[in-house]
Amino acid sequence: MRNTHIKPGDPVGFLIDGSKVAVCKAEISPAHDPFTQKEWKKITTVFKSKGGKTYRSHAESRTHLKRLMRK
């Protein structure tokens, strides 16, 4: 058996080839951020001045943030 260098807590991936399954160490890349650093700075400033808000969905929060940024 080959050493996979996988330690407890490491993310793993499974490669399936017919009836064979291989386990390999996986790398998790960050999700795409819909806002630039400049936009996040503006969002942070707006929230500090107006207080927080609770949203029912991700889409609702994003729409509200974009509306705030246009002001």
C-alpha atoms as a PDB file:
ATOM      1  CA  MET A   1       0.000   0.000   0.000  1.00  0.00           C
ATOM      2  CA  ARG A   2       1.322   3.441  -0.927  1.00  0.00           C
ATOM      3  CA  ASN A   3       1.588   6.219   1.629  1.00  0.00           C
ATOM      4  CA  THR A   4      -1.027   8.822   0.736  1.00  0.00           C
ATOM      5  CA  HIS A   5       0.184  11.337   3.332  1.00  0.00           C
ATOM      6  CA  ILE A   6      -3.416  11.682   4.528  1.00  0.00           C
ATOM      7  CA  LYS A   7      -3.790  12.685   8.158  1.00  0.00           C
ATOM      8  CA  PRO A   8      -6.926  12.690  10.338  1.00  0.00           C
ATOM      9  CA  GLY A   9      -9.056  15.699   9.410  1.00  0.00           C
ATOM     10  CA  ASP A  10      -7.628  16.073   5.889  1.00  0.00           C
ATOM     11  CA  PRO A  11     -10.175  16.406   3.077  1.00  0.00           C
ATOM     12  CA  VAL A  12     -10.218  13.402   0.756  1.00  0.00           C
ATOM     13  CA  GLY A  13     -11.510  12.669  -2.714  1.00  0.00           C
ATOM     14  CA  PHE A  14     -12.580   9.419  -4.318  1.00  0.00           C
ATOM     15  CA  LEU A  15     -11.570   8.435  -7.845  1.00  0.00           C
ATOM     16  CA  ILE A  16     -13.869   5.774  -9.271  1.00  0.00           C
ATOM     17  CA  ASP A  17     -12.751   3.733 -12.267  1.00  0.00           C
ATOM     18  CA  GLY A  18     -15.086   0.872 -13.022  1.00  0.00           C
ATOM     19  CA  SER A  19     -14.899  -1.455 -10.027  1.00  0.00           C
ATOM     20  CA  LYS A  20     -11.847   0.278  -8.533  1.00  0.00           C
ATOM     21  CA  VAL A  21     -11.979   3.112  -6.013  1.00  0.00           C
ATOM     22  CA  ALA A  22      -8.937   5.164  -5.083  1.00  0.00           C
ATOM     23  CA  VAL A  23      -8.782   7.579  -2.158  1.00  0.00           C
ATOM     24  CA  CYS A  24      -6.602  10.643  -2.509  1.00  0.00           C
ATOM     25  CA  LYS A  25      -5.903  13.772  -0.541  1.00  0.00           C
ATOM     26  CA  ALA A  26      -8.056  16.628  -1.818  1.00  0.00           C
ATOM     27  CA  GLU A  27      -7.501  20.352  -1.877  1.00  0.00           C
ATOM     28  CA  ILE A  28     -10.413  22.623  -1.119  1.00  0.00           C
ATOM     29  CA  SER A  29     -10.339  25.891  -2.994  1.00  0.00           C
ATOM     30  CA  PRO A  30     -12.348  28.832  -1.710  1.00  0.00           C
ATOM     31  CA  ALA A  31     -15.679  29.523  -3.334  1.00  0.00           C
ATOM     32  CA  HIS A  32     -15.882  32.434  -5.739  1.00  0.00           C
ATOM     33  CA  ASP A  33     -16.535  35.638  -3.812  1.00  0.00           C
ATOM     34  CA  PRO A  34     -19.273  37.672  -5.541  1.00  0.00           C
ATOM     35  CA  PHE A  35     -17.860  40.950  -4.175  1.00  0.00           C
ATOM     36  CA  THR A  36     -14.493  42.667  -4.612  1.00  0.00           C
ATOM     37  CA  GLN A  37     -12.463  43.892  -1.626  1.00  0.00           C
ATOM     38  CA  LYS A  38     -13.584  47.446  -2.429  1.00  0.00           C
ATOM     39  CA  GLU A  39     -17.239  46.333  -2.420  1.00  0.00           C
ATOM     40  CA  TRP A  40     -16.783  44.471   0.909  1.00  0.00           C
ATOM     41  CA  LYS A  41     -15.285  47.618   2.435  1.00  0.00           C
ATOM     42  CA  LYS A  42     -18.328  49.625   1.318  1.00  0.00           C
ATOM     43  CA  ILE A  43     -20.707  46.926   2.604  1.00  0.00           C
ATOM     44  CA  THR A  44     -18.946  46.913   5.980  1.00  0.00           C
ATOM     45  CA  THR A  45     -19.183  50.704   6.226  1.00  0.00           C
ATOM     46  CA  VAL A  46     -22.904  50.668   5.383  1.00  0.00           C
ATOM     47  CA  PHE A  47     -23.656  47.960   7.957  1.00  0.00           C
ATOM     48  CA  LYS A  48     -21.708  49.733  10.682  1.00  0.00           C
ATOM     49  CA  SER A  49     -23.747  52.876  10.087  1.00  0.00           C
ATOM     50  CA  LYS A  50     -27.182  51.241   9.650  1.00  0.00           C
ATOM     51  CA  GLY A  51     -26.993  48.103  11.799  1.00  0.00           C
ATOM     52  CA  GLY A  52     -27.567  44.519  10.713  1.00  0.00           C
ATOM     53  CA  LYS A  53     -30.492  42.887   8.945  1.00  0.00           C
ATOM     54  CA  THR A  54     -31.786  39.301   8.773  1.00  0.00           C
ATOM     55  CA  TYR A  55     -32.546  37.764   5.380  1.00  0.00           C
ATOM     56  CA  ARG A  56     -34.704  34.807   4.401  1.00  0.00           C
ATOM     57  CA  SER A  57     -32.379  33.705   1.586  1.00  0.00           C
ATOM     58  CA  HIS A  58     -28.970  34.254   0.035  1.00  0.00           C
ATOM     59  CA  ALA A  59     -30.615  35.865  -3.015  1.00  0.00           C
ATOM     60  CA  GLU A  60     -32.537  38.332  -0.830  1.00  0.00           C
ATOM     61  CA  SER A  61     -29.371  39.345   1.036  1.00  0.00           C
ATOM     62  CA  ARG A  62     -27.386  39.823  -2.152  1.00  0.00           C
ATOM     63  CA  THR A  63     -30.149  41.956  -3.724  1.00  0.00           C
ATOM     64  CA  HIS A  64     -30.305  44.131  -0.613  1.00  0.00           C
ATOM     65  CA  LEU A  65     -26.516  44.553  -0.476  1.00  0.00           C
ATOM     66  CA  LYS A  66     -26.347  45.568  -4.126  1.00  0.00           C
ATOM     67  CA  ARG A  67     -29.158  48.104  -3.548  1.00  0.00           C
ATOM     68  CA  LEU A  68     -27.297  49.581  -0.570  1.00  0.00           C
ATOM     69  CA  MET A  69     -24.109  49.890  -2.609  1.00  0.00           C
ATOM     70  CA  ARG A  70     -25.866  51.977  -5.286  1.00  0.00           C
ATOM     71  CA  LYS A  71     -26.744  54.676  -2.736  1.00  0.00           C
END
